[in-house]
């Protein structure tokens, strides 16, 4: 009766019939711990987790390097745009204002555009 309760309790939690391992005694309990990866973790599991962690760190490092390259590229583009604005756009706007002023001054007094 106790084994039925133990089996019912453990099947819902781990899905493994513990009573099959209880007949082997302490060796069965150790084997169950290794299989379920509880309390005793095999070395290959640790290596697997370490490999996963290394792969994740490598992916994050690549992402960081990519973001830094993008940031440098954006800074360079911003510098080029600011240089273009200083050297060409602002002088062109100033010249356009001067030409507009000269055009308005050339118009006969009292006759503006559209009059």
Protein backbone atom coordinates (compact mmCIF):
# COMPACT_ATOMS: atom_id res chain seq x y z
CA UNK A 1 0.00 0.00 0.00
CA UNK A 2 2.84 2.40 0.82
CA UNK A 3 4.53 1.68 -2.49
CA UNK A 4 1.31 2.52 -4.32
CA UNK A 5 1.15 5.89 -2.58
CA UNK A 6 4.84 6.50 -3.22
CA UNK A 7 4.42 5.58 -6.87
CA UNK A 8 1.37 7.81 -7.28
CA UNK A 9 3.12 10.73 -5.57
CA UNK A 10 6.31 10.46 -7.61
CA UNK A 11 4.69 9.84 -10.98
CA UNK A 12 2.93 13.20 -10.85
CA UNK A 13 6.16 15.01 -10.00
CA UNK A 14 8.87 13.36 -12.05
CA UNK A 15 7.12 10.89 -14.32
CA UNK A 16 9.53 8.10 -13.25
CA UNK A 17 8.39 5.08 -11.26
CA UNK A 18 10.58 5.32 -8.16
CA UNK A 19 9.65 1.86 -6.91
CA UNK A 20 11.63 0.34 -9.79
CA UNK A 21 14.75 2.00 -8.42
CA UNK A 22 14.02 1.27 -4.74
CA UNK A 23 14.73 -2.43 -5.21
CA UNK A 24 18.33 -1.50 -5.96
CA UNK A 25 18.70 0.37 -2.65
CA UNK A 26 21.24 3.15 -2.32
CA UNK A 27 22.63 2.51 -5.81
CA UNK A 28 19.13 2.96 -7.23
CA UNK A 29 18.69 6.26 -5.39
CA UNK A 30 22.05 7.54 -6.67
CA UNK A 31 21.16 6.45 -10.20
CA UNK A 32 17.78 8.18 -9.88
CA UNK A 33 19.50 11.38 -8.74
CA UNK A 34 21.84 11.24 -11.74
CA UNK A 35 19.01 10.56 -14.20
CA UNK A 36 16.82 13.34 -12.81
CA UNK A 37 19.81 15.67 -12.38
CA UNK A 38 18.84 16.39 -8.77
CA UNK A 39 21.41 16.66 -5.95
CA UNK A 40 24.04 14.84 -8.05
CA UNK A 41 24.87 16.47 -11.35
CA UNK A 42 26.98 14.51 -13.85
CA UNK A 43 30.05 16.17 -15.29
CA UNK A 44 28.73 16.00 -18.86
CA UNK A 45 25.73 18.06 -17.76
CA UNK A 46 28.04 20.70 -16.32
CA UNK A 47 30.09 20.73 -19.52
CA UNK A 48 26.92 21.04 -21.57
CA UNK A 49 25.76 24.00 -19.49
CA UNK A 50 29.20 25.57 -19.71
CA UNK A 51 29.20 25.19 -23.49
CA UNK A 52 25.76 26.79 -23.68
CA UNK A 53 26.95 29.67 -21.50
CA UNK A 54 30.05 30.15 -23.66
CA UNK A 55 27.91 30.17 -26.81
CA UNK A 56 25.57 32.75 -25.28
CA UNK A 57 28.48 34.93 -24.20
CA UNK A 58 30.02 34.69 -27.67
CA UNK A 59 26.71 35.72 -29.26
CA UNK A 60 26.40 38.66 -26.86
CA UNK A 61 29.99 39.73 -27.55
CA UNK A 62 29.30 39.67 -31.29
CA UNK A 63 26.15 41.71 -30.76
CA UNK A 64 28.07 44.26 -28.68
CA UNK A 65 30.78 44.52 -31.35
CA UNK A 66 28.11 45.01 -34.01
CA UNK A 67 26.41 47.73 -31.98
CA UNK A 68 29.73 49.50 -31.41
CA UNK A 69 30.46 49.40 -35.14
CA UNK A 70 27.00 50.83 -35.84
CA UNK A 71 27.59 53.58 -33.29
CA UNK A 72 30.93 54.49 -34.88
CA UNK A 73 29.32 54.53 -38.33
CA UNK A 74 26.51 56.79 -37.10
CA UNK A 75 29.04 59.17 -35.51
CA UNK A 76 30.94 59.36 -38.77
CA UNK A 77 27.74 60.02 -40.73
CA UNK A 78 26.73 62.72 -38.26
CA UNK A 79 30.12 64.40 -38.57
CA UNK A 80 29.85 64.35 -42.38
CA UNK A 81 26.34 65.80 -42.24
CA UNK A 82 27.40 68.56 -39.86
CA UNK A 83 30.37 69.38 -42.10
CA UNK A 84 28.09 69.49 -45.15
CA UNK A 85 25.69 71.78 -43.31
CA UNK A 86 28.50 74.15 -42.27
CA UNK A 87 30.28 74.28 -45.61
CA UNK A 88 27.46 74.16 -48.17
CA UNK A 89 23.92 74.44 -46.85
CA UNK A 90 24.31 77.47 -44.56
CA UNK A 91 26.29 79.49 -47.17
CA UNK A 92 23.67 78.58 -49.79
CA UNK A 93 20.86 79.78 -47.51
CA UNK A 94 22.75 83.01 -46.79
CA UNK A 95 23.28 83.59 -50.53
CA UNK A 96 19.60 82.86 -51.23
CA UNK A 97 18.60 85.46 -48.61
CA UNK A 98 20.96 88.00 -50.17
CA UNK A 99 19.53 87.37 -53.63
CA UNK A 100 15.97 87.69 -52.29
CA UNK A 101 16.91 90.96 -50.61
CA UNK A 102 18.46 92.28 -53.82
CA UNK A 103 15.37 91.22 -55.81
CA UNK A 104 13.02 93.00 -53.42
CA UNK A 105 15.23 96.12 -53.54
CA UNK A 106 15.11 96.11 -57.36
CA UNK A 107 11.32 96.13 -57.45
CA UNK A 108 9.72 99.52 -58.04
CA UNK A 109 8.49 101.11 -54.84
CA UNK A 110 4.92 100.17 -54.01
CA UNK A 111 4.81 97.27 -56.42
CA UNK A 112 5.48 94.01 -54.64
CA UNK A 113 5.18 90.58 -56.07
CA UNK A 114 1.64 89.84 -57.22
CA UNK A 115 0.61 93.49 -57.30
